[in-house]
Amino acid sequence: MNRSRLPRLAAVICASTGAVVLALPATADAAQVSRHHHSTSFAGGVWGGYVAQGSGFQSISGSWTMPQVTCNSSNDLFAPWVGIDGYGSQTVEQTGVQVDCSSGSPVLSPWYEMYPAAPVYWNDAVSAGDSMTGSVTTDGSGTYTLTLTDNTAGWTENTQQQLDAQDVSAEAVIESPSGSYPSFNELDFSGVTVNGQSFDSFSPQAIDSGQYTETALNGGSFAIVPASGGGGAAATHAKGTRPSAIHY
């Protein structure tokens, strides 16, 4: 999550403590500003899920099921995705499905992003309940292959991109660029692998979005569920502001 170029989220490594200081923009609730060490969960940001840190991350693959969501605000915006980098680096190579409530109803759009470039959207249809599989792989020399498959609808998109990146993290997460999630009851990730091994073997760190939390990781599988007093159909909806330019 160390993406200091993003207007909505900044991170600074404290040389004396090794802590990561993450700050949301001035429009966000001050209670969402948090400080943590790598051994603990970050609570109150725009990411939720699991992030592994280290070096030499060359692939991540994982599946998830798109939930049925309820839009509470036109600012509601989020995506589940898998990717490399983004936590401790200035780039992110990622693919997922955006859920956008700006029209008043959820609109689902598959995408990939080579941050800091803008997301690129594919035109394929995605529906609530669809099983998705995403993967990002690199040859270690700046060439990335990003693939997204809708297992339910039967389509696959892939692209090959170039980027000078560090490959220092791998993640399976949900993210809200607006800091405002729609309501849903559960989003299941499964079969997450990194460098061909179970995600668990990399001791990934749990990160809570504030509205949602994650269940324990087990064999590359976990669920995103409403946090106590956070997200979900019966919970109070968090405030958020839709950014002028969307980045994940």
C-alpha atoms as a PDB file:
ATOM      1  CA  MET A   1       0.000   0.000   0.000  1.00  0.00           C
ATOM      2  CA  ASN A   2       3.051   2.227  -0.103  1.00  0.00           C
ATOM      3  CA  ARG A   3       1.772   4.221  -3.082  1.00  0.00           C
ATOM      4  CA  SER A   4       2.818   7.773  -2.279  1.00  0.00           C
ATOM      5  CA  ARG A   5       1.863   9.124  -5.702  1.00  0.00           C
ATOM      6  CA  LEU A   6      -1.796   8.392  -5.067  1.00  0.00           C
ATOM      7  CA  PRO A   7      -3.767  11.432  -3.894  1.00  0.00           C
ATOM      8  CA  ARG A   8      -5.943   9.366  -1.589  1.00  0.00           C
ATOM      9  CA  LEU A   9      -3.254   7.382   0.208  1.00  0.00           C
ATOM     10  CA  ALA A  10       0.283   8.166   1.247  1.00  0.00           C
ATOM     11  CA  ALA A  11       2.853   6.014   3.019  1.00  0.00           C
ATOM     12  CA  VAL A  12       6.173   6.888   4.598  1.00  0.00           C
ATOM     13  CA  ILE A  13       8.717   4.463   6.025  1.00  0.00           C
ATOM     14  CA  CYS A  14       9.927   5.654   9.419  1.00  0.00           C
ATOM     15  CA  ALA A  15      13.679   5.081   9.538  1.00  0.00           C
ATOM     16  CA  SER A  16      13.849   4.908  13.324  1.00  0.00           C
ATOM     17  CA  THR A  17      11.053   2.419  13.908  1.00  0.00           C
ATOM     18  CA  GLY A  18      10.512   0.613  10.598  1.00  0.00           C
ATOM     19  CA  ALA A  19       6.834   1.460  10.882  1.00  0.00           C
ATOM     20  CA  VAL A  20       4.718   2.342   7.902  1.00  0.00           C
ATOM     21  CA  VAL A  21       2.701   5.509   8.328  1.00  0.00           C
ATOM     22  CA  LEU A  22      -0.338   5.573   6.094  1.00  0.00           C
ATOM     23  CA  ALA A  23      -2.553   8.616   5.716  1.00  0.00           C
ATOM     24  CA  LEU A  24      -5.842   9.046   3.943  1.00  0.00           C
ATOM     25  CA  PRO A  25      -6.708  12.391   2.327  1.00  0.00           C
ATOM     26  CA  ALA A  26      -8.241  15.283   4.227  1.00  0.00           C
ATOM     27  CA  THR A  27     -11.711  14.330   3.010  1.00  0.00           C
ATOM     28  CA  ALA A  28     -11.557  11.019   4.847  1.00  0.00           C
ATOM     29  CA  ASP A  29     -12.518  10.448   8.452  1.00  0.00           C
ATOM     30  CA  ALA A  30      -9.551  11.234  10.695  1.00  0.00           C
ATOM     31  CA  ALA A  31     -10.165   7.967  12.520  1.00  0.00           C
ATOM     32  CA  GLN A  32      -9.077   6.142   9.368  1.00  0.00           C
ATOM     33  CA  VAL A  33      -5.465   7.295   9.752  1.00  0.00           C
ATOM     34  CA  SER A  34      -3.377   4.448  11.155  1.00  0.00           C
ATOM     35  CA  ARG A  35       0.188   3.425  11.929  1.00  0.00           C
ATOM     36  CA  HIS A  36       1.394  -0.160  12.011  1.00  0.00           C
ATOM     37  CA  HIS A  37       4.348  -2.495  11.926  1.00  0.00           C
ATOM     38  CA  HIS A  38       4.514  -5.278   9.368  1.00  0.00           C
ATOM     39  CA  SER A  39       3.565  -7.874  11.988  1.00  0.00           C
ATOM     40  CA  THR A  40       0.137  -6.375  12.615  1.00  0.00           C
ATOM     41  CA  SER A  41      -2.979  -5.613  10.613  1.00  0.00           C
ATOM     42  CA  PHE A  42      -3.622  -2.205   9.137  1.00  0.00           C
ATOM     43  CA  ALA A  43      -7.171  -1.118   9.983  1.00  0.00           C
ATOM     44  CA  GLY A  44      -9.141   1.672   8.393  1.00  0.00           C
ATOM     45  CA  GLY A  45      -7.610   2.058   4.925  1.00  0.00           C
ATOM     46  CA  VAL A  46      -8.941   1.442   1.446  1.00  0.00           C
ATOM     47  CA  TRP A  47      -7.468  -2.055   1.070  1.00  0.00           C
ATOM     48  CA  GLY A  48      -8.722  -5.246   2.671  1.00  0.00           C
ATOM     49  CA  GLY A  49      -7.322  -8.752   2.298  1.00  0.00           C
ATOM     50  CA  TYR A  50      -3.787 -10.148   2.375  1.00  0.00           C
ATOM     51  CA  VAL A  51      -0.398  -8.815   1.247  1.00  0.00           C
ATOM     52  CA  ALA A  52       2.906 -10.716   1.184  1.00  0.00           C
ATOM     53  CA  GLN A  53       6.192  -8.796   1.242  1.00  0.00           C
ATOM     54  CA  GLY A  54       9.709  -9.732   0.268  1.00  0.00           C
ATOM     55  CA  SER A  55      11.437  -9.913  -3.103  1.00  0.00           C
ATOM     56  CA  GLY A  56      11.353 -11.905  -6.308  1.00  0.00           C
ATOM     57  CA  PHE A  57       7.581 -12.146  -6.647  1.00  0.00           C
ATOM     58  CA  GLN A  58       7.089 -13.393 -10.200  1.00  0.00           C
ATOM     59  CA  SER A  59       3.491 -14.583 -10.232  1.00  0.00           C
ATOM     60  CA  ILE A  60       0.209 -14.459  -8.404  1.00  0.00           C
ATOM     61  CA  SER A  61      -3.015 -16.203  -9.330  1.00  0.00           C
ATOM     62  CA  GLY A  62      -6.320 -16.425  -7.531  1.00  0.00           C
ATOM     63  CA  SER A  63     -10.060 -16.775  -7.920  1.00  0.00           C
ATOM     64  CA  TRP A  64     -12.955 -14.957  -6.330  1.00  0.00           C
ATOM     65  CA  THR A  65     -16.732 -14.761  -6.611  1.00  0.00           C
ATOM     66  CA  MET A  66     -18.323 -11.409  -7.343  1.00  0.00           C
ATOM     67  CA  PRO A  67     -20.854 -10.630  -4.589  1.00  0.00           C
ATOM     68  CA  GLN A  68     -24.335  -9.180  -4.866  1.00  0.00           C
ATOM     69  CA  VAL A  69     -23.925  -5.595  -3.690  1.00  0.00           C
ATOM     70  CA  THR A  70     -26.224  -2.814  -2.523  1.00  0.00           C
ATOM     71  CA  CYS A  71     -25.285   0.732  -3.494  1.00  0.00           C
ATOM     72  CA  ASN A  72     -25.627   3.146  -0.585  1.00  0.00           C
ATOM     73  CA  SER A  73     -24.122   6.179  -2.307  1.00  0.00           C
ATOM     74  CA  SER A  74     -23.074   7.295  -5.777  1.00  0.00           C
ATOM     75  CA  ASN A  75     -19.529   7.424  -4.343  1.00  0.00           C
ATOM     76  CA  ASP A  76     -19.497   3.675  -3.698  1.00  0.00           C
ATOM     77  CA  LEU A  77     -16.679   2.161  -5.731  1.00  0.00           C
ATOM     78  CA  PHE A  78     -14.529  -0.913  -5.175  1.00  0.00           C
ATOM     79  CA  ALA A  79     -12.779  -3.831  -6.818  1.00  0.00           C
ATOM     80  CA  PRO A  80     -11.414  -7.211  -5.813  1.00  0.00           C
ATOM     81  CA  TRP A  81      -8.051  -7.792  -7.498  1.00  0.00           C
ATOM     82  CA  VAL A  82      -4.807  -9.726  -7.501  1.00  0.00           C
ATOM     83  CA  GLY A  83      -1.452  -8.191  -8.281  1.00  0.00           C
ATOM     84  CA  ILE A  84       2.265  -7.707  -7.758  1.00  0.00           C
ATOM     85  CA  ASP A  85       3.849  -4.651  -6.094  1.00  0.00           C
ATOM     86  CA  GLY A  86       1.998  -1.722  -4.489  1.00  0.00           C
ATOM     87  CA  TYR A  87       3.146  -2.338  -0.913  1.00  0.00           C
ATOM     88  CA  GLY A  88       6.621  -0.869  -0.508  1.00  0.00           C
ATOM     89  CA  SER A  89       6.941   0.200  -4.153  1.00  0.00           C
ATOM     90  CA  GLN A  90       5.761   2.911  -6.524  1.00  0.00           C
ATOM     91  CA  THR A  91       4.116   0.639  -9.097  1.00  0.00           C
ATOM     92  CA  VAL A  92       1.311  -1.924  -9.091  1.00  0.00           C
ATOM     93  CA  GLU A  93       0.634  -4.561 -11.743  1.00  0.00           C
ATOM     94  CA  GLN A  94      -2.914  -5.777 -11.166  1.00  0.00           C
ATOM     95  CA  THR A  95      -6.190  -7.073 -12.590  1.00  0.00           C
ATOM     96  CA  GLY A  96      -9.714  -7.336 -11.197  1.00  0.00           C
ATOM     97  CA  VAL A  97     -13.345  -6.279 -11.532  1.00  0.00           C
ATOM     98  CA  GLN A  98     -14.585  -2.802 -10.682  1.00  0.00           C
ATOM     99  CA  VAL A  99     -17.999  -2.277  -9.086  1.00  0.00           C
ATOM    100  CA  ASP A 100     -19.131   1.311  -9.678  1.00  0.00           C
ATOM    101  CA  CYS A 101     -22.262   2.822  -8.102  1.00  0.00           C
ATOM    102  CA  SER A 102     -22.045   6.281  -9.705  1.00  0.00           C
ATOM    103  CA  SER A 103     -25.168   5.579 -11.774  1.00  0.00           C
ATOM    104  CA  GLY A 104     -27.140   4.527  -8.694  1.00  0.00           C
ATOM    105  CA  SER A 105     -26.863   0.818  -9.517  1.00  0.00           C
ATOM    106  CA  PRO A 106     -23.778  -1.406  -9.480  1.00  0.00           C
ATOM    107  CA  VAL A 107     -21.933  -1.571 -12.819  1.00  0.00           C
ATOM    108  CA  LEU A 108     -19.309  -4.306 -13.080  1.00  0.00           C
ATOM    109  CA  SER A 109     -16.283  -3.782 -15.341  1.00  0.00           C
ATOM    110  CA  PRO A 110     -13.212  -6.002 -15.754  1.00  0.00           C
ATOM    111  CA  TRP A 111      -9.887  -4.168 -15.889  1.00  0.00           C
ATOM    112  CA  TYR A 112      -6.134  -4.254 -15.540  1.00  0.00           C
ATOM    113  CA  GLU A 113      -3.787  -1.533 -14.403  1.00  0.00           C
ATOM    114  CA  MET A 114      -0.064  -0.916 -14.631  1.00  0.00           C
ATOM    115  CA  TYR A 115       0.042   1.848 -12.020  1.00  0.00           C
ATOM    116  CA  PRO A 116       0.896   4.739 -12.275  1.00  0.00           C
ATOM    117  CA  ALA A 117      -0.851   4.414 -15.646  1.00  0.00           C
ATOM    118  CA  ALA A 118      -4.660   4.537 -15.534  1.00  0.00           C
ATOM    119  CA  PRO A 119      -6.825   1.396 -15.470  1.00  0.00           C
ATOM    120  CA  VAL A 120      -7.679  -0.158 -18.836  1.00  0.00           C
ATOM    121  CA  TYR A 121     -11.190  -1.614 -19.024  1.00  0.00           C
ATOM    122  CA  TRP A 122     -12.227  -4.637 -21.042  1.00  0.00           C
ATOM    123  CA  ASN A 123     -15.719  -4.686 -22.592  1.00  0.00           C
ATOM    124  CA  ASP A 124     -16.751  -8.156 -21.388  1.00  0.00           C
ATOM    125  CA  ALA A 125     -19.851  -8.490 -19.212  1.00  0.00           C
ATOM    126  CA  VAL A 126     -19.534  -9.547 -15.573  1.00  0.00           C
ATOM    127  CA  SER A 127     -22.481 -10.337 -13.299  1.00  0.00           C
ATOM    128  CA  ALA A 128     -22.904 -10.775  -9.563  1.00  0.00           C
ATOM    129  CA  GLY A 129     -22.230 -14.406  -8.698  1.00  0.00           C
ATOM    130  CA  ASP A 130     -19.640 -14.876 -11.449  1.00  0.00           C
ATOM    131  CA  SER A 131     -16.499 -16.826 -10.600  1.00  0.00           C
ATOM    132  CA  MET A 132     -13.413 -14.875 -11.674  1.00  0.00           C
ATOM    133  CA  THR A 133      -9.751 -15.910 -11.928  1.00  0.00           C
ATOM    134  CA  GLY A 134      -6.988 -13.354 -12.263  1.00  0.00           C
ATOM    135  CA  SER A 135      -3.256 -13.730 -12.657  1.00  0.00           C
ATOM    136  CA  VAL A 136      -0.199 -11.527 -13.016  1.00  0.00           C
ATOM    137  CA  THR A 137       3.148 -12.981 -14.051  1.00  0.00           C
ATOM    138  CA  THR A 138       6.522 -11.472 -14.890  1.00  0.00           C
ATOM    139  CA  ASP A 139       9.709 -12.745 -16.465  1.00  0.00           C
ATOM    140  CA  GLY A 140      11.672 -10.685 -13.939  1.00  0.00           C
ATOM    141  CA  SER A 141      12.897  -8.310 -16.647  1.00  0.00           C
ATOM    142  CA  GLY A 142       9.962  -5.908 -16.803  1.00  0.00           C
ATOM    143  CA  THR A 143       7.547  -7.900 -18.966  1.00  0.00           C
ATOM    144  CA  TYR A 144       4.183  -8.628 -17.302  1.00  0.00           C
ATOM    145  CA  THR A 145       1.334 -10.818 -18.501  1.00  0.00           C
ATOM    146  CA  LEU A 146      -2.048 -10.052 -16.944  1.00  0.00           C
ATOM    147  CA  THR A 147      -4.948 -12.450 -17.446  1.00  0.00           C
ATOM    148  CA  LEU A 148      -8.548 -12.266 -16.276  1.00  0.00           C
ATOM    149  CA  THR A 149     -11.091 -15.052 -16.812  1.00  0.00           C
ATOM    150  CA  ASP A 150     -14.808 -15.116 -16.110  1.00  0.00           C
ATOM    151  CA  ASN A 151     -15.239 -18.824 -15.409  1.00  0.00           C
ATOM    152  CA  THR A 152     -19.024 -18.459 -15.342  1.00  0.00           C
ATOM    153  CA  ALA A 153     -19.474 -16.486 -18.572  1.00  0.00           C
ATOM    154  CA  GLY A 154     -16.636 -18.273 -20.344  1.00  0.00           C
ATOM    155  CA  TRP A 155     -14.432 -15.405 -21.521  1.00  0.00           C
ATOM    156  CA  THR A 156     -10.723 -14.677 -20.993  1.00  0.00           C
ATOM    157  CA  GLU A 157      -8.755 -11.481 -21.545  1.00  0.00           C
ATOM    158  CA  ASN A 158      -4.998 -11.124 -21.374  1.00  0.00           C
ATOM    159  CA  THR A 159      -2.411  -8.484 -22.117  1.00  0.00           C
ATOM    160  CA  GLN A 160       1.352  -8.184 -22.035  1.00  0.00           C
ATOM    161  CA  GLN A 161       2.833  -4.968 -20.688  1.00  0.00           C
ATOM    162  CA  GLN A 162       6.231  -3.487 -19.908  1.00  0.00           C
ATOM    163  CA  LEU A 163       7.087  -1.724 -16.648  1.00  0.00           C
ATOM    164  CA  ASP A 164      10.199  -1.055 -14.600  1.00  0.00           C
ATOM    165  CA  ALA A 165       8.985  -2.528 -11.307  1.00  0.00           C
ATOM    166  CA  GLN A 166      10.489  -4.068  -8.180  1.00  0.00           C
ATOM    167  CA  ASP A 167       8.340  -7.191  -7.564  1.00  0.00           C
ATOM    168  CA  VAL A 168       8.467  -6.704  -3.782  1.00  0.00           C
ATOM    169  CA  SER A 169       4.909  -7.661  -2.817  1.00  0.00           C
ATOM    170  CA  ALA A 170       1.978  -9.804  -3.890  1.00  0.00           C
ATOM    171  CA  GLU A 171      -1.626  -9.244  -2.882  1.00  0.00           C
ATOM    172  CA  ALA A 172      -5.175 -10.544  -3.092  1.00  0.00           C
ATOM    173  CA  VAL A 173      -7.356  -7.689  -1.865  1.00  0.00           C
ATOM    174  CA  ILE A 174     -10.391  -5.496  -2.222  1.00  0.00           C
ATOM    175  CA  GLU A 175      -9.870  -1.757  -2.699  1.00  0.00           C
ATOM    176  CA  SER A 176     -12.073   1.339  -2.804  1.00  0.00           C
ATOM    177  CA  PRO A 177     -10.483   4.358  -4.529  1.00  0.00           C
ATOM    178  CA  SER A 178     -13.259   6.532  -3.083  1.00  0.00           C
ATOM    179  CA  GLY A 179     -12.970   5.118   0.430  1.00  0.00           C
ATOM    180  CA  SER A 180     -16.672   4.271   0.145  1.00  0.00           C
ATOM    181  CA  TYR A 181     -17.696   0.632  -0.245  1.00  0.00           C
ATOM    182  CA  PRO A 182     -21.130  -0.650  -1.262  1.00  0.00           C
ATOM    183  CA  SER A 183     -22.703  -3.228   1.048  1.00  0.00           C
ATOM    184  CA  PHE A 184     -22.222  -6.952   0.539  1.00  0.00           C
ATOM    185  CA  ASN A 185     -22.335  -9.967   2.802  1.00  0.00           C
ATOM    186  CA  GLU A 186     -19.301 -11.956   1.663  1.00  0.00           C
ATOM    187  CA  LEU A 187     -16.649 -12.081  -1.054  1.00  0.00           C
ATOM    188  CA  ASP A 188     -14.702 -15.336  -1.319  1.00  0.00           C
ATOM    189  CA  PHE A 189     -11.112 -15.639  -2.561  1.00  0.00           C
ATOM    190  CA  SER A 190      -9.807 -19.137  -3.288  1.00  0.00           C
ATOM    191  CA  GLY A 191      -6.802 -20.944  -4.708  1.00  0.00           C
ATOM    192  CA  VAL A 192      -4.450 -17.985  -4.324  1.00  0.00           C
ATOM    193  CA  THR A 193      -0.907 -18.979  -5.262  1.00  0.00           C
ATOM    194  CA  VAL A 194       2.317 -16.964  -5.427  1.00  0.00           C
ATOM    195  CA  ASN A 195       5.302 -18.174  -7.450  1.00  0.00           C
ATOM    196  CA  GLY A 196       3.400 -21.438  -7.869  1.00  0.00           C
ATOM    197  CA  GLN A 197       3.081 -22.028  -4.114  1.00  0.00           C
ATOM    198  CA  SER A 198       0.167 -21.546  -1.728  1.00  0.00           C
ATOM    199  CA  PHE A 199      -0.234 -17.927  -0.631  1.00  0.00           C
ATOM    200  CA  ASP A 200      -0.002 -19.120   2.996  1.00  0.00           C
ATOM    201  CA  SER A 201       3.655 -20.113   2.622  1.00  0.00           C
ATOM    202  CA  PHE A 202       4.640 -16.444   2.211  1.00  0.00           C
ATOM    203  CA  SER A 203       3.130 -15.434   5.588  1.00  0.00           C
ATOM    204  CA  PRO A 204       1.012 -12.635   4.108  1.00  0.00           C
ATOM    205  CA  GLN A 205      -0.137  -9.780   6.303  1.00  0.00           C
ATOM    206  CA  ALA A 206      -3.856  -9.232   6.904  1.00  0.00           C
ATOM    207  CA  ILE A 207      -5.159  -5.748   6.085  1.00  0.00           C
ATOM    208  CA  ASP A 208      -8.612  -4.548   7.147  1.00  0.00           C
ATOM    209  CA  SER A 209     -10.427  -1.950   5.043  1.00  0.00           C
ATOM    210  CA  GLY A 210     -12.337  -0.666   8.064  1.00  0.00           C
ATOM    211  CA  GLN A 211     -15.743  -1.598   6.659  1.00  0.00           C
ATOM    212  CA  TYR A 212     -14.665  -5.151   5.856  1.00  0.00           C
ATOM    213  CA  THR A 213     -12.309  -7.680   7.385  1.00  0.00           C
ATOM    214  CA  GLU A 214     -10.880 -11.002   6.260  1.00  0.00           C
ATOM    215  CA  THR A 215     -11.211 -14.495   7.658  1.00  0.00           C
ATOM    216  CA  ALA A 216      -8.133 -16.602   8.362  1.00  0.00           C
ATOM    217  CA  LEU A 217      -6.119 -17.629   5.317  1.00  0.00           C
ATOM    218  CA  ASN A 218      -6.293 -21.379   4.733  1.00  0.00           C
ATOM    219  CA  GLY A 219      -4.737 -23.043   1.723  1.00  0.00           C
ATOM    220  CA  GLY A 220      -4.861 -19.875  -0.351  1.00  0.00           C
ATOM    221  CA  SER A 221      -8.513 -19.257   0.486  1.00  0.00           C
ATOM    222  CA  PHE A 222     -10.234 -16.642   2.652  1.00  0.00           C
ATOM    223  CA  ALA A 223     -13.392 -14.547   2.756  1.00  0.00           C
ATOM    224  CA  ILE A 224     -13.948 -10.807   2.964  1.00  0.00           C
ATOM    225  CA  VAL A 225     -16.826 -10.164   5.374  1.00  0.00           C
ATOM    226  CA  PRO A 226     -18.354  -7.121   7.115  1.00  0.00           C
ATOM    227  CA  ALA A 227     -16.315  -5.929  10.061  1.00  0.00           C
ATOM    228  CA  SER A 228     -18.054  -5.389  13.366  1.00  0.00           C
ATOM    229  CA  GLY A 229     -19.595  -1.939  13.014  1.00  0.00           C
ATOM    230  CA  GLY A 230     -18.075  -1.646   9.534  1.00  0.00           C
ATOM    231  CA  GLY A 231     -19.451  -2.637   6.136  1.00  0.00           C
ATOM    232  CA  GLY A 232     -22.287  -4.930   5.148  1.00  0.00           C
ATOM    233  CA  ALA A 233     -25.948  -4.597   4.376  1.00  0.00           C
ATOM    234  CA  ALA A 234     -27.016  -3.686   7.912  1.00  0.00           C
ATOM    235  CA  ALA A 235     -24.117  -1.417   8.784  1.00  0.00           C
ATOM    236  CA  THR A 236     -23.797   2.336   8.722  1.00  0.00           C
ATOM    237  CA  HIS A 237     -22.264   3.388   5.427  1.00  0.00           C
ATOM    238  CA  ALA A 238     -18.889   5.102   5.546  1.00  0.00           C
ATOM    239  CA  LYS A 239     -18.351   8.519   4.053  1.00  0.00           C
ATOM    240  CA  GLY A 240     -16.188   8.853   0.974  1.00  0.00           C
ATOM    241  CA  THR A 241     -15.398  11.074  -1.962  1.00  0.00           C
ATOM    242  CA  ARG A 242     -15.179   9.879  -5.543  1.00  0.00           C
ATOM    243  CA  PRO A 243     -11.758  10.800  -6.983  1.00  0.00           C
ATOM    244  CA  SER A 244     -11.574  12.741 -10.238  1.00  0.00           C
ATOM    245  CA  ALA A 245      -9.235  10.082 -11.631  1.00  0.00           C
ATOM    246  CA  ILE A 246      -9.689   6.447 -10.625  1.00  0.00           C
ATOM    247  CA  HIS A 247      -6.592   4.439  -9.725  1.00  0.00           C
ATOM    248  CA  TYR A 248      -6.308   1.087  -7.986  1.00  0.00           C
END
